[in-house]
Amino acid sequence: MLDCKAHPDKALAVSLACNPKELQAIRQKIEKNRLTTPLFDGEQGTQELEASFEQMWKTYLEKRATQPKVY
């Protein structure tokens, strides 16, 4: 027996496996939104992630420069 509270992801998988129309509706929604939502824009997402890493690095260096050196 599947404990739905302990394993909601597995419960969803079983539910969708037993309801092919619901699964098809989800697939159609994803396909419809695939080219129009930021989630699927890999190039833009990569650029934003790289910019975030660069900003984190700059912040780290700025904080490091203000701290006394410990030997």
C-alpha atoms as a PDB file:
ATOM      1  CA  MET A   1       0.000   0.000   0.000  1.00  0.00           C
ATOM      2  CA  LEU A   2       1.278   3.452  -0.914  1.00  0.00           C
ATOM      3  CA  ASP A   3       1.366   6.070   1.854  1.00  0.00           C
ATOM      4  CA  CYS A   4       0.362   9.203  -0.087  1.00  0.00           C
ATOM      5  CA  LYS A   5       1.413  11.567   2.699  1.00  0.00           C
ATOM      6  CA  ALA A   6       4.891  10.067   2.968  1.00  0.00           C
ATOM      7  CA  HIS A   7       5.407   9.797  -0.799  1.00  0.00           C
ATOM      8  CA  PRO A   8       3.326  12.451  -2.603  1.00  0.00           C
ATOM      9  CA  ASP A   9       5.514  12.229  -5.717  1.00  0.00           C
ATOM     10  CA  LYS A  10       4.890   8.501  -6.030  1.00  0.00           C
ATOM     11  CA  ALA A  11       1.196   9.008  -5.376  1.00  0.00           C
ATOM     12  CA  LEU A  12       1.058  11.547  -8.211  1.00  0.00           C
ATOM     13  CA  ALA A  13       2.902   9.159 -10.542  1.00  0.00           C
ATOM     14  CA  VAL A  14       0.433   6.374  -9.769  1.00  0.00           C
ATOM     15  CA  SER A  15      -2.512   8.752 -10.162  1.00  0.00           C
ATOM     16  CA  LEU A  16      -1.308   9.936 -13.566  1.00  0.00           C
ATOM     17  CA  ALA A  17      -0.568   6.378 -14.664  1.00  0.00           C
ATOM     18  CA  CYS A  18      -4.168   5.468 -13.835  1.00  0.00           C
ATOM     19  CA  ASN A  19      -5.607   8.602 -15.514  1.00  0.00           C
ATOM     20  CA  PRO A  20      -4.146   8.878 -19.019  1.00  0.00           C
ATOM     21  CA  LYS A  21      -6.483  11.760 -19.950  1.00  0.00           C
ATOM     22  CA  GLU A  22      -5.149  13.847 -17.067  1.00  0.00           C
ATOM     23  CA  LEU A  23      -1.571  12.981 -18.034  1.00  0.00           C
ATOM     24  CA  GLN A  24      -2.280  13.944 -21.648  1.00  0.00           C
ATOM     25  CA  ALA A  25      -3.751  17.279 -20.518  1.00  0.00           C
ATOM     26  CA  ILE A  26      -0.580  18.026 -18.545  1.00  0.00           C
ATOM     27  CA  ARG A  27       1.582  17.098 -21.521  1.00  0.00           C
ATOM     28  CA  GLN A  28      -0.443  19.364 -23.807  1.00  0.00           C
ATOM     29  CA  LYS A  29      -0.174  22.270 -21.359  1.00  0.00           C
ATOM     30  CA  ILE A  30       3.601  21.838 -21.158  1.00  0.00           C
ATOM     31  CA  GLU A  31       3.908  21.659 -24.940  1.00  0.00           C
ATOM     32  CA  LYS A  32       1.759  24.783 -25.342  1.00  0.00           C
ATOM     33  CA  ASN A  33       3.849  26.763 -22.851  1.00  0.00           C
ATOM     34  CA  ARG A  34       7.219  25.378 -23.887  1.00  0.00           C
ATOM     35  CA  LEU A  35       8.147  28.181 -26.253  1.00  0.00           C
ATOM     36  CA  THR A  36       6.516  31.065 -24.392  1.00  0.00           C
ATOM     37  CA  THR A  37       7.576  30.730 -20.742  1.00  0.00           C
ATOM     38  CA  PRO A  38      10.917  31.657 -19.144  1.00  0.00           C
ATOM     39  CA  LEU A  39      11.297  28.193 -17.621  1.00  0.00           C
ATOM     40  CA  PHE A  40      12.060  26.729 -21.042  1.00  0.00           C
ATOM     41  CA  ASP A  41      14.361  29.530 -22.225  1.00  0.00           C
ATOM     42  CA  GLY A  42      17.680  27.833 -21.554  1.00  0.00           C
ATOM     43  CA  GLU A  43      19.848  30.553 -23.071  1.00  0.00           C
ATOM     44  CA  GLN A  44      18.280  33.330 -20.995  1.00  0.00           C
ATOM     45  CA  GLY A  45      18.367  31.160 -17.887  1.00  0.00           C
ATOM     46  CA  THR A  46      22.051  30.443 -18.425  1.00  0.00           C
ATOM     47  CA  GLN A  47      22.842  34.137 -18.851  1.00  0.00           C
ATOM     48  CA  GLU A  48      20.962  35.007 -15.660  1.00  0.00           C
ATOM     49  CA  LEU A  49      22.699  32.222 -13.721  1.00  0.00           C
ATOM     50  CA  GLU A  50      26.121  33.352 -14.942  1.00  0.00           C
ATOM     51  CA  ALA A  51      25.324  36.950 -13.979  1.00  0.00           C
ATOM     52  CA  SER A  52      24.304  35.769 -10.517  1.00  0.00           C
ATOM     53  CA  PHE A  53      27.568  33.855 -10.102  1.00  0.00           C
ATOM     54  CA  GLU A  54      29.560  36.898 -11.195  1.00  0.00           C
ATOM     55  CA  GLN A  55      27.712  39.099  -8.705  1.00  0.00           C
ATOM     56  CA  MET A  56      28.293  36.574  -5.895  1.00  0.00           C
ATOM     57  CA  TRP A  57      31.996  36.473  -6.739  1.00  0.00           C
ATOM     58  CA  LYS A  58      32.260  40.285  -6.725  1.00  0.00           C
ATOM     59  CA  THR A  59      30.448  40.452  -3.376  1.00  0.00           C
ATOM     60  CA  TYR A  60      32.791  37.822  -1.932  1.00  0.00           C
ATOM     61  CA  LEU A  61      35.870  39.714  -3.110  1.00  0.00           C
ATOM     62  CA  GLU A  62      34.562  43.021  -1.743  1.00  0.00           C
ATOM     63  CA  LYS A  63      33.878  41.511   1.696  1.00  0.00           C
ATOM     64  CA  ARG A  64      37.199  39.707   1.687  1.00  0.00           C
ATOM     65  CA  ALA A  65      39.055  42.937   0.926  1.00  0.00           C
ATOM     66  CA  THR A  66      37.579  44.647   3.999  1.00  0.00           C
ATOM     67  CA  GLN A  67      38.394  41.858   6.455  1.00  0.00           C
ATOM     68  CA  PRO A  68      41.722  41.825   8.316  1.00  0.00           C
ATOM     69  CA  LYS A  69      44.205  39.252   7.136  1.00  0.00           C
ATOM     70  CA  VAL A  70      44.730  36.350   9.515  1.00  0.00           C
ATOM     71  CA  TYR A  71      47.967  34.412   9.327  1.00  0.00           C
END
